[in-house]
């Protein structure tokens, strides 16, 4: 009997001391053998840079923010919540972006939540996408670009400097399909409200005579509320529920964060350096940089109390969260993630929380990642909720978008002068 126990102890120590490489089949089998609340799979090829998948640095900027608590709020918290269902007119809530081979998660999670909140706080009228490229390349207080950054500083930058509109890689090509000037044959930017020669007559959108006056009033109110003045010289704006991509699209090509996808593997691409800060819109858009700047109000942190985070999301929309990544997370396939006992730390990652729920009696946060929609559960994942797992509940930041009344006179004057110059030279 003593020999039997010695053999068991030996086997236990042998297995416990065995080292697996992060992306190996053996490690995936080891994780799945533990009967966890989630399943692992091979997501990445050997040689993939883990550093470029992450990018959230220890957030020193967060300590300077006001911490929001809803201790006196009696809001009833539903057992499950999905922002995509509450705000169906906000199409950005269904978008999964791709940070590519660059440690820019801190920027992506920020602009994704900002984009959602612009729409949510306009009651679905503004589907303007905020540019990850502009934030990543131009924010001098945010950290080191593709080498990592500070989520709270991203929101501070939105408040102090502003971030232009802009979407995913090559999204400027898609933007031409979304908004046109009525019967004029001209492409119209809903963000800046002027028209340029881009769209053929086959792409015109028409409206009936009965709705014309109401439509014009709504369009003018949209521009007035965002900038404080109306500037579409044709007064023929039609807005769709598509995401308006805008000024600066992401310049780094998408890559495969999953071994079986259709894109080139991230490990086959050269490591991207941070793009240059360019204070101009993409040439194809014919938009004015200054007029495309979006602003946020003063950012804040959310207390680490689960209920406070839920009320914030219920009231204002998705938030940016950072957490400590362990190597087993890189193998995530489905289910409610909670790290395995022998997983080793790899760094920080920033993501967007859009809701919560319960799966097989396990509470979770519903989270959007930025490794394209072929990773995880179509780009999303679930993480254990209510116990500050991997520090996710103690690292949440957010802010509200600026409306027209909040834009300063200085910002309005600058935008007006920029508009005048743009019209003169275009």
Foldseek 3Di string as FASTA:
>chain_A
DVVVVVVVVVVVVVVLPDDDDLQDPVVQVVVVVVVDQFHFARQADPQQDPQLQFFAADAPLQVPFAADDVPVPPDDFDQWDFLCVVQVLQCLSVDFAASFSFNQQLLVQFQSFQQSLVCVVVSSPAQFGFASLQLLAPQPQFPFRSSHGHNLSSQVCLAPPFTFTAEAAVCLVVLQLFKPFAPPCWGAQLQQQETDNDGGPVSHDHDDPVCVVVVLVVSQVSNCWAQVGHDYPRSGIDGDSDRNGDFAYDHHDAARSGPPDDGHHSSVDDRDHRDHNDQGGDPVNLDHSLSRTWHFHNKHHYALAQVRQSVCCVVRNKWKWKFWDWSSVSRTAAGADADDPSTHTDHMHIWIFRMWHADPNFTWTKIAGRNALVGHPRRIYIYGPDPCGRVGSHGIMDTHTRISVRDDPVSSVVSVVSSVVSVVVD
